[in-house]
Amino acid sequence: MGNFKEINQRAQKNTGRIQETQKDFMSAFKKLQKEGYKANALDEKTKEFVALTYAIADKCEGCIGNHVNKLVKLGASREEISDIVVVSIVMGGGPASVYGGKALEAYDEAVSE
């Protein structure tokens, strides 16, 4: 794709598709995310670097845009992001909420034809 503003908007819309039918689950998931990214032994920026590593390795464009936006707000530099890219290439990972939304998007398109 490429335009991360558009990708982020689409990812949020797709996550909203899950929210429509799985309100309790998504509410619990959002609470889990909020708790997981809170500063503790690791600060928020470090936790976002970890999340970005997984997002890149799993090829989750919506996740990449989301975590890059958060990192920019937390003051991350281009060089820091580049270091994350290198680690991501070495590793691998697994977010599913954006791709779950894509499955629902595909369903919605199929039934509207």
PDB file of N, CA and C in Angstrom:
ATOM      1  N   MET A   1       0.847  -1.181   0.000  1.00  0.00           N
ATOM      2  CA  MET A   1       0.000   0.000   0.000  1.00  0.00           C
ATOM      3  C   MET A   1       0.888   1.238   0.000  1.00  0.00           C
ATOM      4  N   GLY A   2       1.077   1.908   1.146  1.00  0.00           N
ATOM      5  CA  GLY A   2       2.000   3.016   1.162  1.00  0.00           C
ATOM      6  C   GLY A   2       1.548   4.232   1.942  1.00  0.00           C
ATOM      7  N   ASN A   3       0.351   4.745   1.736  1.00  0.00           N
ATOM      8  CA  ASN A   3      -0.135   5.928   2.426  1.00  0.00           C
ATOM      9  C   ASN A   3      -0.597   5.538   3.829  1.00  0.00           C
ATOM     10  N   PHE A   4       0.241   5.772   4.837  1.00  0.00           N
ATOM     11  CA  PHE A   4      -0.059   5.276   6.180  1.00  0.00           C
ATOM     12  C   PHE A   4      -1.203   6.007   6.860  1.00  0.00           C
ATOM     13  N   LYS A   5      -1.503   7.235   6.455  1.00  0.00           N
ATOM     14  CA  LYS A   5      -2.690   7.884   7.003  1.00  0.00           C
ATOM     15  C   LYS A   5      -3.939   7.099   6.576  1.00  0.00           C
ATOM     16  N   GLU A   6      -3.993   6.758   5.301  1.00  0.00           N
ATOM     17  CA  GLU A   6      -5.109   5.967   4.770  1.00  0.00           C
ATOM     18  C   GLU A   6      -5.117   4.561   5.377  1.00  0.00           C
ATOM     19  N   ILE A   7      -3.948   3.964   5.486  1.00  0.00           N
ATOM     20  CA  ILE A   7      -3.838   2.627   6.076  1.00  0.00           C
ATOM     21  C   ILE A   7      -4.344   2.649   7.515  1.00  0.00           C
ATOM     22  N   ASN A   8      -3.941   3.657   8.287  1.00  0.00           N
ATOM     23  CA  ASN A   8      -4.381   3.762   9.674  1.00  0.00           C
ATOM     24  C   ASN A   8      -5.884   3.940   9.763  1.00  0.00           C
ATOM     25  N   GLN A   9      -6.446   4.780   8.898  1.00  0.00           N
ATOM     26  CA  GLN A   9      -7.889   4.990   8.899  1.00  0.00           C
ATOM     27  C   GLN A   9      -8.625   3.693   8.566  1.00  0.00           C
ATOM     28  N   ARG A  10      -8.115   2.967   7.592  1.00  0.00           N
ATOM     29  CA  ARG A  10      -8.737   1.696   7.209  1.00  0.00           C
ATOM     30  C   ARG A  10      -8.610   0.676   8.336  1.00  0.00           C
ATOM     31  N   ALA A  11      -7.439   0.607   8.967  1.00  0.00           N
ATOM     32  CA  ALA A  11      -7.240  -0.325  10.090  1.00  0.00           C
ATOM     33  C   ALA A  11      -8.203  -0.015  11.230  1.00  0.00           C
ATOM     34  N   GLN A  12      -8.386   1.265  11.539  1.00  0.00           N
ATOM     35  CA  GLN A  12      -9.320   1.655  12.602  1.00  0.00           C
ATOM     36  C   GLN A  12     -10.752   1.284  12.229  1.00  0.00           C
ATOM     37  N   LYS A  13     -11.099   1.479  10.972  1.00  0.00           N
ATOM     38  CA  LYS A  13     -12.438   1.103  10.516  1.00  0.00           C
ATOM     39  C   LYS A  13     -12.620  -0.406  10.630  1.00  0.00           C
ATOM     40  N   ASN A  14     -11.603  -1.165  10.238  1.00  0.00           N
ATOM     41  CA  ASN A  14     -11.684  -2.621  10.318  1.00  0.00           C
ATOM     42  C   ASN A  14     -11.779  -3.100  11.763  1.00  0.00           C
ATOM     43  N   THR A  15     -11.024  -2.474  12.645  1.00  0.00           N
ATOM     44  CA  THR A  15     -11.132  -2.814  14.063  1.00  0.00           C
ATOM     45  C   THR A  15     -12.540  -2.491  14.560  1.00  0.00           C
ATOM     46  N   GLY A  16     -13.109  -1.421  14.052  1.00  0.00           N
ATOM     47  CA  GLY A  16     -14.488  -1.062  14.383  1.00  0.00           C
ATOM     48  C   GLY A  16     -15.484  -2.126  13.949  1.00  0.00           C
ATOM     49  N   ARG A  17     -15.187  -2.815  12.854  1.00  0.00           N
ATOM     50  CA  ARG A  17     -16.051  -3.908  12.397  1.00  0.00           C
ATOM     51  C   ARG A  17     -16.101  -5.018  13.453  1.00  0.00           C
ATOM     52  N   ILE A  18     -14.967  -5.300  14.043  1.00  0.00           N
ATOM     53  CA  ILE A  18     -14.928  -6.311  15.105  1.00  0.00           C
ATOM     54  C   ILE A  18     -15.701  -5.792  16.309  1.00  0.00           C
ATOM     55  N   GLN A  19     -15.490  -4.522  16.630  1.00  0.00           N
ATOM     56  CA  GLN A  19     -16.169  -3.886  17.767  1.00  0.00           C
ATOM     57  C   GLN A  19     -17.689  -4.012  17.654  1.00  0.00           C
ATOM     58  N   GLU A  20     -18.214  -3.906  16.430  1.00  0.00           N
ATOM     59  CA  GLU A  20     -19.663  -3.976  16.220  1.00  0.00           C
ATOM     60  C   GLU A  20     -20.267  -5.288  16.706  1.00  0.00           C
ATOM     61  N   THR A  21     -19.555  -6.381  16.518  1.00  0.00           N
ATOM     62  CA  THR A  21     -20.103  -7.695  16.860  1.00  0.00           C
ATOM     63  C   THR A  21     -19.482  -8.320  18.103  1.00  0.00           C
ATOM     64  N   GLN A  22     -18.364  -7.767  18.558  1.00  0.00           N
ATOM     65  CA  GLN A  22     -17.639  -8.342  19.694  1.00  0.00           C
ATOM     66  C   GLN A  22     -17.282  -7.251  20.701  1.00  0.00           C
ATOM     67  N   LYS A  23     -18.302  -6.512  21.159  1.00  0.00           N
ATOM     68  CA  LYS A  23     -18.075  -5.354  22.035  1.00  0.00           C
ATOM     69  C   LYS A  23     -17.345  -5.720  23.318  1.00  0.00           C
ATOM     70  N   ASP A  24     -17.784  -6.761  24.006  1.00  0.00           N
ATOM     71  CA  ASP A  24     -17.157  -7.139  25.274  1.00  0.00           C
ATOM     72  C   ASP A  24     -15.698  -7.542  25.072  1.00  0.00           C
ATOM     73  N   PHE A  25     -15.458  -8.332  24.035  1.00  0.00           N
ATOM     74  CA  PHE A  25     -14.094  -8.770  23.754  1.00  0.00           C
ATOM     75  C   PHE A  25     -13.193  -7.585  23.439  1.00  0.00           C
ATOM     76  N   MET A  26     -13.643  -6.711  22.537  1.00  0.00           N
ATOM     77  CA  MET A  26     -12.810  -5.583  22.137  1.00  0.00           C
ATOM     78  C   MET A  26     -12.587  -4.613  23.293  1.00  0.00           C
ATOM     79  N   SER A  27     -13.570  -4.456  24.150  1.00  0.00           N
ATOM     80  CA  SER A  27     -13.403  -3.615  25.335  1.00  0.00           C
ATOM     81  C   SER A  27     -12.314  -4.193  26.235  1.00  0.00           C
ATOM     82  N   ALA A  28     -12.365  -5.504  26.438  1.00  0.00           N
ATOM     83  CA  ALA A  28     -11.343  -6.169  27.255  1.00  0.00           C
ATOM     84  C   ALA A  28      -9.970  -6.080  26.583  1.00  0.00           C
ATOM     85  N   PHE A  29      -9.940  -6.221  25.256  1.00  0.00           N
ATOM     86  CA  PHE A  29      -8.679  -6.137  24.516  1.00  0.00           C
ATOM     87  C   PHE A  29      -8.068  -4.745  24.639  1.00  0.00           C
ATOM     88  N   LYS A  30      -8.907  -3.700  24.516  1.00  0.00           N
ATOM     89  CA  LYS A  30      -8.418  -2.319  24.651  1.00  0.00           C
ATOM     90  C   LYS A  30      -7.885  -2.060  26.056  1.00  0.00           C
ATOM     91  N   LYS A  31      -8.549  -2.625  27.046  1.00  0.00           N
ATOM     92  CA  LYS A  31      -8.075  -2.494  28.423  1.00  0.00           C
ATOM     93  C   LYS A  31      -6.722  -3.189  28.578  1.00  0.00           C
ATOM     94  N   LEU A  32      -6.586  -4.376  27.989  1.00  0.00           N
ATOM     95  CA  LEU A  32      -5.322  -5.104  28.015  1.00  0.00           C
ATOM     96  C   LEU A  32      -4.210  -4.288  27.353  1.00  0.00           C
ATOM     97  N   GLN A  33      -4.516  -3.685  26.202  1.00  0.00           N
ATOM     98  CA  GLN A  33      -3.531  -2.848  25.513  1.00  0.00           C
ATOM     99  C   GLN A  33      -3.102  -1.683  26.397  1.00  0.00           C
ATOM    100  N   LYS A  34      -4.069  -1.010  26.995  1.00  0.00           N
ATOM    101  CA  LYS A  34      -3.771   0.147  27.841  1.00  0.00           C
ATOM    102  C   LYS A  34      -2.852  -0.254  28.992  1.00  0.00           C
ATOM    103  N   GLU A  35      -3.160  -1.356  29.621  1.00  0.00           N
ATOM    104  CA  GLU A  35      -2.328  -1.845  30.733  1.00  0.00           C
ATOM    105  C   GLU A  35      -0.952  -2.277  30.239  1.00  0.00           C
ATOM    106  N   GLY A  36      -0.928  -2.957  29.100  1.00  0.00           N
ATOM    107  CA  GLY A  36       0.330  -3.474  28.566  1.00  0.00           C
ATOM    108  C   GLY A  36       1.320  -2.405  28.162  1.00  0.00           C
ATOM    109  N   TYR A  37       0.823  -1.270  27.674  1.00  0.00           N
ATOM    110  CA  TYR A  37       1.706  -0.205  27.209  1.00  0.00           C
ATOM    111  C   TYR A  37       2.042   0.818  28.290  1.00  0.00           C
ATOM    112  N   LYS A  38       1.441   0.676  29.466  1.00  0.00           N
ATOM    113  CA  LYS A  38       1.738   1.598  30.566  1.00  0.00           C
ATOM    114  C   LYS A  38       3.186   1.437  31.017  1.00  0.00           C
ATOM    115  N   ALA A  39       3.805   2.560  31.368  1.00  0.00           N
ATOM    116  CA  ALA A  39       5.175   2.519  31.883  1.00  0.00           C
ATOM    117  C   ALA A  39       5.210   1.701  33.175  1.00  0.00           C
ATOM    118  N   ASN A  40       6.193   0.848  33.264  1.00  0.00           N
ATOM    119  CA  ASN A  40       6.417   0.024  34.442  1.00  0.00           C
ATOM    120  C   ASN A  40       7.932  -0.145  34.520  1.00  0.00           C
ATOM    121  N   ALA A  41       8.431  -1.369  34.508  1.00  0.00           N
ATOM    122  CA  ALA A  41       9.878  -1.565  34.473  1.00  0.00           C
ATOM    123  C   ALA A  41      10.454  -1.004  33.166  1.00  0.00           C
ATOM    124  N   LEU A  42       9.654  -1.073  32.093  1.00  0.00           N
ATOM    125  CA  LEU A  42      10.021  -0.463  30.815  1.00  0.00           C
ATOM    126  C   LEU A  42       9.158   0.775  30.605  1.00  0.00           C
ATOM    127  N   ASP A  43       9.753   1.821  30.032  1.00  0.00           N
ATOM    128  CA  ASP A  43       8.963   3.019  29.753  1.00  0.00           C
ATOM    129  C   ASP A  43       8.105   2.811  28.497  1.00  0.00           C
ATOM    130  N   GLU A  44       7.178   3.737  28.254  1.00  0.00           N
ATOM    131  CA  GLU A  44       6.245   3.616  27.133  1.00  0.00           C
ATOM    132  C   GLU A  44       6.968   3.554  25.784  1.00  0.00           C
ATOM    133  N   LYS A  45       8.012   4.343  25.634  1.00  0.00           N
ATOM    134  CA  LYS A  45       8.733   4.377  24.361  1.00  0.00           C
ATOM    135  C   LYS A  45       9.364   3.015  24.072  1.00  0.00           C
ATOM    136  N   THR A  46       9.970   2.405  25.077  1.00  0.00           N
ATOM    137  CA  THR A  46      10.582   1.088  24.892  1.00  0.00           C
ATOM    138  C   THR A  46       9.531   0.058  24.522  1.00  0.00           C
ATOM    139  N   LYS A  47       8.383   0.108  25.188  1.00  0.00           N
ATOM    140  CA  LYS A  47       7.305  -0.834  24.883  1.00  0.00           C
ATOM    141  C   LYS A  47       6.796  -0.626  23.457  1.00  0.00           C
ATOM    142  N   GLU A  48       6.734   0.609  22.987  1.00  0.00           N
ATOM    143  CA  GLU A  48       6.325   0.870  21.612  1.00  0.00           C
ATOM    144  C   GLU A  48       7.366   0.363  20.617  1.00  0.00           C
ATOM    145  N   PHE A  49       8.645   0.439  20.973  1.00  0.00           N
ATOM    146  CA  PHE A  49       9.690  -0.138  20.113  1.00  0.00           C
ATOM    147  C   PHE A  49       9.490  -1.647  19.973  1.00  0.00           C
ATOM    148  N   VAL A  50       9.178  -2.309  21.071  1.00  0.00           N
ATOM    149  CA  VAL A  50       8.922  -3.752  21.036  1.00  0.00           C
ATOM    150  C   VAL A  50       7.725  -4.033  20.125  1.00  0.00           C
ATOM    151  N   ALA A  51       6.652  -3.269  20.311  1.00  0.00           N
ATOM    152  CA  ALA A  51       5.446  -3.463  19.498  1.00  0.00           C
ATOM    153  C   ALA A  51       5.731  -3.227  18.017  1.00  0.00           C
ATOM    154  N   LEU A  52       6.510  -2.202  17.709  1.00  0.00           N
ATOM    155  CA  LEU A  52       6.850  -1.926  16.313  1.00  0.00           C
ATOM    156  C   LEU A  52       7.662  -3.066  15.716  1.00  0.00           C
ATOM    157  N   THR A  53       8.543  -3.658  16.491  1.00  0.00           N
ATOM    158  CA  THR A  53       9.332  -4.799  16.014  1.00  0.00           C
ATOM    159  C   THR A  53       8.411  -5.916  15.539  1.00  0.00           C
ATOM    160  N   TYR A  54       7.435  -6.253  16.369  1.00  0.00           N
ATOM    161  CA  TYR A  54       6.481  -7.299  15.993  1.00  0.00           C
ATOM    162  C   TYR A  54       5.634  -6.883  14.798  1.00  0.00           C
ATOM    163  N   ALA A  55       5.201  -5.638  14.769  1.00  0.00           N
ATOM    164  CA  ALA A  55       4.365  -5.164  13.662  1.00  0.00           C
ATOM    165  C   ALA A  55       5.092  -5.283  12.325  1.00  0.00           C
ATOM    166  N   ILE A  56       6.358  -4.924  12.313  1.00  0.00           N
ATOM    167  CA  ILE A  56       7.148  -5.010  11.080  1.00  0.00           C
ATOM    168  C   ILE A  56       7.356  -6.469  10.687  1.00  0.00           C
ATOM    169  N   ALA A  57       7.767  -7.290  11.638  1.00  0.00           N
ATOM    170  CA  ALA A  57       8.053  -8.690  11.343  1.00  0.00           C
ATOM    171  C   ALA A  57       6.806  -9.429  10.868  1.00  0.00           C
ATOM    172  N   ASP A  58       5.637  -9.015  11.368  1.00  0.00           N
ATOM    173  CA  ASP A  58       4.379  -9.658  10.973  1.00  0.00           C
ATOM    174  C   ASP A  58       3.728  -9.014   9.769  1.00  0.00           C
ATOM    175  N   LYS A  59       4.363  -7.981   9.220  1.00  0.00           N
ATOM    176  CA  LYS A  59       3.850  -7.298   8.027  1.00  0.00           C
ATOM    177  C   LYS A  59       2.452  -6.719   8.243  1.00  0.00           C
ATOM    178  N   CYS A  60       2.238  -6.133   9.408  1.00  0.00           N
ATOM    179  CA  CYS A  60       0.947  -5.530   9.752  1.00  0.00           C
ATOM    180  C   CYS A  60       1.034  -4.024   9.532  1.00  0.00           C
ATOM    181  N   GLU A  61       0.615  -3.571   8.349  1.00  0.00           N
ATOM    182  CA  GLU A  61       0.756  -2.155   7.995  1.00  0.00           C
ATOM    183  C   GLU A  61      -0.003  -1.235   8.945  1.00  0.00           C
ATOM    184  N   GLY A  62      -1.215  -1.619   9.326  1.00  0.00           N
ATOM    185  CA  GLY A  62      -1.982  -0.807  10.264  1.00  0.00           C
ATOM    186  C   GLY A  62      -1.273  -0.672  11.594  1.00  0.00           C
ATOM    187  N   CYS A  63      -0.669  -1.770  12.057  1.00  0.00           N
ATOM    188  CA  CYS A  63       0.083  -1.750  13.315  1.00  0.00           C
ATOM    189  C   CYS A  63       1.334  -0.882  13.182  1.00  0.00           C
ATOM    190  N   ILE A  64       2.017  -1.003  12.055  1.00  0.00           N
ATOM    191  CA  ILE A  64       3.225  -0.203  11.823  1.00  0.00           C
ATOM    192  C   ILE A  64       2.888   1.279  11.915  1.00  0.00           C
ATOM    193  N   GLY A  65       1.865   1.710  11.190  1.00  0.00           N
ATOM    194  CA  GLY A  65       1.479   3.122  11.215  1.00  0.00           C
ATOM    195  C   GLY A  65       1.104   3.583  12.604  1.00  0.00           C
ATOM    196  N   ASN A  66       0.335   2.768  13.309  1.00  0.00           N
ATOM    197  CA  ASN A  66      -0.099   3.100  14.661  1.00  0.00           C
ATOM    198  C   ASN A  66       1.086   3.278  15.606  1.00  0.00           C
ATOM    199  N   HIS A  67       1.996   2.311  15.607  1.00  0.00           N
ATOM    200  CA  HIS A  67       3.119   2.371  16.539  1.00  0.00           C
ATOM    201  C   HIS A  67       4.143   3.441  16.146  1.00  0.00           C
ATOM    202  N   VAL A  68       4.339   3.662  14.844  1.00  0.00           N
ATOM    203  CA  VAL A  68       5.226   4.753  14.420  1.00  0.00           C
ATOM    204  C   VAL A  68       4.641   6.090  14.872  1.00  0.00           C
ATOM    205  N   ASN A  69       3.346   6.294  14.690  1.00  0.00           N
ATOM    206  CA  ASN A  69       2.727   7.544  15.143  1.00  0.00           C
ATOM    207  C   ASN A  69       2.930   7.749  16.639  1.00  0.00           C
ATOM    208  N   LYS A  70       2.738   6.699  17.425  1.00  0.00           N
ATOM    209  CA  LYS A  70       2.940   6.800  18.870  1.00  0.00           C
ATOM    210  C   LYS A  70       4.398   7.111  19.196  1.00  0.00           C
ATOM    211  N   LEU A  71       5.323   6.473  18.468  1.00  0.00           N
ATOM    212  CA  LEU A  71       6.745   6.715  18.718  1.00  0.00           C
ATOM    213  C   LEU A  71       7.161   8.134  18.356  1.00  0.00           C
ATOM    214  N   VAL A  72       6.609   8.669  17.279  1.00  0.00           N
ATOM    215  CA  VAL A  72       6.899  10.062  16.919  1.00  0.00           C
ATOM    216  C   VAL A  72       6.465  10.975  18.066  1.00  0.00           C
ATOM    217  N   LYS A  73       5.269  10.743  18.603  1.00  0.00           N
ATOM    218  CA  LYS A  73       4.782  11.547  19.731  1.00  0.00           C
ATOM    219  C   LYS A  73       5.658  11.382  20.968  1.00  0.00           C
ATOM    220  N   LEU A  74       6.299  10.216  21.099  1.00  0.00           N
ATOM    221  CA  LEU A  74       7.181   9.962  22.240  1.00  0.00           C
ATOM    222  C   LEU A  74       8.621  10.417  21.969  1.00  0.00           C
ATOM    223  N   GLY A  75       8.856  11.031  20.799  1.00  0.00           N
ATOM    224  CA  GLY A  75      10.165  11.612  20.500  1.00  0.00           C
ATOM    225  C   GLY A  75      11.169  10.689  19.837  1.00  0.00           C
ATOM    226  N   ALA A  76      10.718   9.593  19.259  1.00  0.00           N
ATOM    227  CA  ALA A  76      11.648   8.668  18.599  1.00  0.00           C
ATOM    228  C   ALA A  76      12.272   9.316  17.370  1.00  0.00           C
ATOM    229  N   SER A  77      13.527   8.994  17.123  1.00  0.00           N
ATOM    230  CA  SER A  77      14.237   9.517  15.952  1.00  0.00           C
ATOM    231  C   SER A  77      14.174   8.513  14.800  1.00  0.00           C
ATOM    232  N   ARG A  78      14.510   8.990  13.612  1.00  0.00           N
ATOM    233  CA  ARG A  78      14.565   8.116  12.433  1.00  0.00           C
ATOM    234  C   ARG A  78      15.604   7.018  12.644  1.00  0.00           C
ATOM    235  N   GLU A  79      16.718   7.353  13.274  1.00  0.00           N
ATOM    236  CA  GLU A  79      17.776   6.378  13.531  1.00  0.00           C
ATOM    237  C   GLU A  79      17.282   5.279  14.473  1.00  0.00           C
ATOM    238  N   GLU A  80      16.499   5.638  15.483  1.00  0.00           N
ATOM    239  CA  GLU A  80      15.948   4.630  16.389  1.00  0.00           C
ATOM    240  C   GLU A  80      14.991   3.694  15.639  1.00  0.00           C
ATOM    241  N   ILE A  81      14.151   4.272  14.791  1.00  0.00           N
ATOM    242  CA  ILE A  81      13.236   3.448  13.998  1.00  0.00           C
ATOM    243  C   ILE A  81      14.040   2.523  13.085  1.00  0.00           C
ATOM    244  N   SER A  82      15.103   3.033  12.500  1.00  0.00           N
ATOM    245  CA  SER A  82      15.959   2.220  11.641  1.00  0.00           C
ATOM    246  C   SER A  82      16.555   1.040  12.410  1.00  0.00           C
ATOM    247  N   ASP A  83      16.965   1.253  13.649  1.00  0.00           N
ATOM    248  CA  ASP A  83      17.473   0.153  14.475  1.00  0.00           C
ATOM    249  C   ASP A  83      16.392  -0.894  14.726  1.00  0.00           C
ATOM    250  N   ILE A  84      15.154  -0.446  14.922  1.00  0.00           N
ATOM    251  CA  ILE A  84      14.042  -1.373  15.112  1.00  0.00           C
ATOM    252  C   ILE A  84      13.829  -2.194  13.845  1.00  0.00           C
ATOM    253  N   VAL A  85      13.946  -1.550  12.688  1.00  0.00           N
ATOM    254  CA  VAL A  85      13.801  -2.258  11.419  1.00  0.00           C
ATOM    255  C   VAL A  85      14.808  -3.401  11.329  1.00  0.00           C
ATOM    256  N   VAL A  86      16.044  -3.140  11.707  1.00  0.00           N
ATOM    257  CA  VAL A  86      17.082  -4.165  11.645  1.00  0.00           C
ATOM    258  C   VAL A  86      16.738  -5.349  12.555  1.00  0.00           C
ATOM    259  N   VAL A  87      16.318  -5.059  13.784  1.00  0.00           N
ATOM    260  CA  VAL A  87      15.938  -6.129  14.714  1.00  0.00           C
ATOM    261  C   VAL A  87      14.739  -6.900  14.157  1.00  0.00           C
ATOM    262  N   SER A  88      13.795  -6.193  13.582  1.00  0.00           N
ATOM    263  CA  SER A  88      12.590  -6.831  13.030  1.00  0.00           C
ATOM    264  C   SER A  88      12.924  -7.812  11.919  1.00  0.00           C
ATOM    265  N   ILE A  89      13.878  -7.451  11.096  1.00  0.00           N
ATOM    266  CA  ILE A  89      14.296  -8.332  10.010  1.00  0.00           C
ATOM    267  C   ILE A  89      14.841  -9.639  10.576  1.00  0.00           C
ATOM    268  N   VAL A  90      15.529  -9.563  11.695  1.00  0.00           N
ATOM    269  CA  VAL A  90      16.105 -10.745  12.328  1.00  0.00           C
ATOM    270  C   VAL A  90      15.037 -11.615  13.009  1.00  0.00           C
ATOM    271  N   MET A  91      14.028 -11.005  13.571  1.00  0.00           N
ATOM    272  CA  MET A  91      13.060 -11.734  14.407  1.00  0.00           C
ATOM    273  C   MET A  91      11.824 -12.212  13.627  1.00  0.00           C
ATOM    274  N   GLY A  92      10.643 -11.900  14.082  1.00  0.00           N
ATOM    275  CA  GLY A  92       9.365 -12.316  13.495  1.00  0.00           C
ATOM    276  C   GLY A  92       8.265 -12.104  14.544  1.00  0.00           C
ATOM    277  N   GLY A  93       6.933 -12.202  14.237  1.00  0.00           N
ATOM    278  CA  GLY A  93       5.896 -11.945  15.249  1.00  0.00           C
ATOM    279  C   GLY A  93       4.437 -12.218  14.888  1.00  0.00           C
ATOM    280  N   GLY A  94       3.380 -11.519  15.578  1.00  0.00           N
ATOM    281  CA  GLY A  94       2.002 -11.899  15.296  1.00  0.00           C
ATOM    282  C   GLY A  94       0.738 -11.108  15.611  1.00  0.00           C
ATOM    283  N   PRO A  95       0.576  -9.749  15.449  1.00  0.00           N
ATOM    284  CA  PRO A  95      -0.703  -9.095  15.701  1.00  0.00           C
ATOM    285  C   PRO A  95      -1.817  -9.587  14.759  1.00  0.00           C
ATOM    286  N   ALA A  96      -3.039  -9.697  15.275  1.00  0.00           N
ATOM    287  CA  ALA A  96      -4.138 -10.217  14.456  1.00  0.00           C
ATOM    288  C   ALA A  96      -5.351  -9.302  14.383  1.00  0.00           C
ATOM    289  N   SER A  97      -5.458  -8.284  15.222  1.00  0.00           N
ATOM    290  CA  SER A  97      -6.684  -7.478  15.212  1.00  0.00           C
ATOM    291  C   SER A  97      -6.920  -6.783  13.878  1.00  0.00           C
ATOM    292  N   VAL A  98      -5.877  -6.277  13.225  1.00  0.00           N
ATOM    293  CA  VAL A  98      -6.058  -5.604  11.941  1.00  0.00           C
ATOM    294  C   VAL A  98      -6.459  -6.612  10.867  1.00  0.00           C
ATOM    295  N   TYR A  99      -5.824  -7.787  10.880  1.00  0.00           N
ATOM    296  CA  TYR A  99      -6.139  -8.791   9.869  1.00  0.00           C
ATOM    297  C   TYR A  99      -7.477  -9.467  10.135  1.00  0.00           C
ATOM    298  N   GLY A 100      -7.897  -9.537  11.381  1.00  0.00           N
ATOM    299  CA  GLY A 100      -9.256  -9.989  11.687  1.00  0.00           C
ATOM    300  C   GLY A 100     -10.260  -9.037  11.081  1.00  0.00           C
ATOM    301  N   GLY A 101      -9.979  -7.738  11.195  1.00  0.00           N
ATOM    302  CA  GLY A 101     -10.830  -6.736  10.560  1.00  0.00           C
ATOM    303  C   GLY A 101     -10.833  -6.869   9.043  1.00  0.00           C
ATOM    304  N   LYS A 102      -9.687  -7.233   8.457  1.00  0.00           N
ATOM    305  CA  LYS A 102      -9.618  -7.425   7.011  1.00  0.00           C
ATOM    306  C   LYS A 102     -10.510  -8.594   6.578  1.00  0.00           C
ATOM    307  N   ALA A 103     -10.556  -9.640   7.403  1.00  0.00           N
ATOM    308  CA  ALA A 103     -11.435 -10.773   7.082  1.00  0.00           C
ATOM    309  C   ALA A 103     -12.894 -10.321   7.075  1.00  0.00           C
ATOM    310  N   LEU A 104     -13.266  -9.508   8.053  1.00  0.00           N
ATOM    311  CA  LEU A 104     -14.636  -8.984   8.079  1.00  0.00           C
ATOM    312  C   LEU A 104     -14.888  -8.033   6.913  1.00  0.00           C
ATOM    313  N   GLU A 105     -13.871  -7.263   6.551  1.00  0.00           N
ATOM    314  CA  GLU A 105     -14.001  -6.380   5.392  1.00  0.00           C
ATOM    315  C   GLU A 105     -14.260  -7.210   4.134  1.00  0.00           C
ATOM    316  N   ALA A 106     -13.513  -8.289   3.948  1.00  0.00           N
ATOM    317  CA  ALA A 106     -13.700  -9.162   2.780  1.00  0.00           C
ATOM    318  C   ALA A 106     -15.104  -9.752   2.776  1.00  0.00           C
ATOM    319  N   TYR A 107     -15.573 -10.166   3.946  1.00  0.00           N
ATOM    320  CA  TYR A 107     -16.945 -10.688   4.057  1.00  0.00           C
ATOM    321  C   TYR A 107     -17.961  -9.625   3.649  1.00  0.00           C
ATOM    322  N   ASP A 108     -17.817  -8.416   4.206  1.00  0.00           N
ATOM    323  CA  ASP A 108     -18.743  -7.326   3.887  1.00  0.00           C
ATOM    324  C   ASP A 108     -18.779  -7.046   2.391  1.00  0.00           C
ATOM    325  N   GLU A 109     -17.615  -7.073   1.746  1.00  0.00           N
ATOM    326  CA  GLU A 109     -17.571  -6.855   0.298  1.00  0.00           C
ATOM    327  C   GLU A 109     -18.252  -7.986  -0.453  1.00  0.00           C
ATOM    328  N   ALA A 110     -18.005  -9.215  -0.019  1.00  0.00           N
ATOM    329  CA  ALA A 110     -18.590 -10.383  -0.699  1.00  0.00           C
ATOM    330  C   ALA A 110     -20.109 -10.379  -0.640  1.00  0.00           C
ATOM    331  N   VAL A 111     -20.676 -10.027   0.501  1.00  0.00           N
ATOM    332  CA  VAL A 111     -22.137 -10.065   0.626  1.00  0.00           C
ATOM    333  C   VAL A 111     -22.810  -8.860  -0.008  1.00  0.00           C
ATOM    334  N   SER A 112     -22.048  -7.797  -0.279  1.00  0.00           N
ATOM    335  CA  SER A 112     -22.652  -6.606  -0.900  1.00  0.00           C
ATOM    336  C   SER A 112     -22.713  -6.709  -2.411  1.00  0.00           C
ATOM    337  N   GLU A 113     -22.060  -7.703  -2.994  1.00  0.00           N
ATOM    338  CA  GLU A 113     -22.043  -7.846  -4.461  1.00  0.00           C
ATOM    339  C   GLU A 113     -23.337  -8.437  -4.985  1.00  0.00           C
TER     340      GLU A 113
END
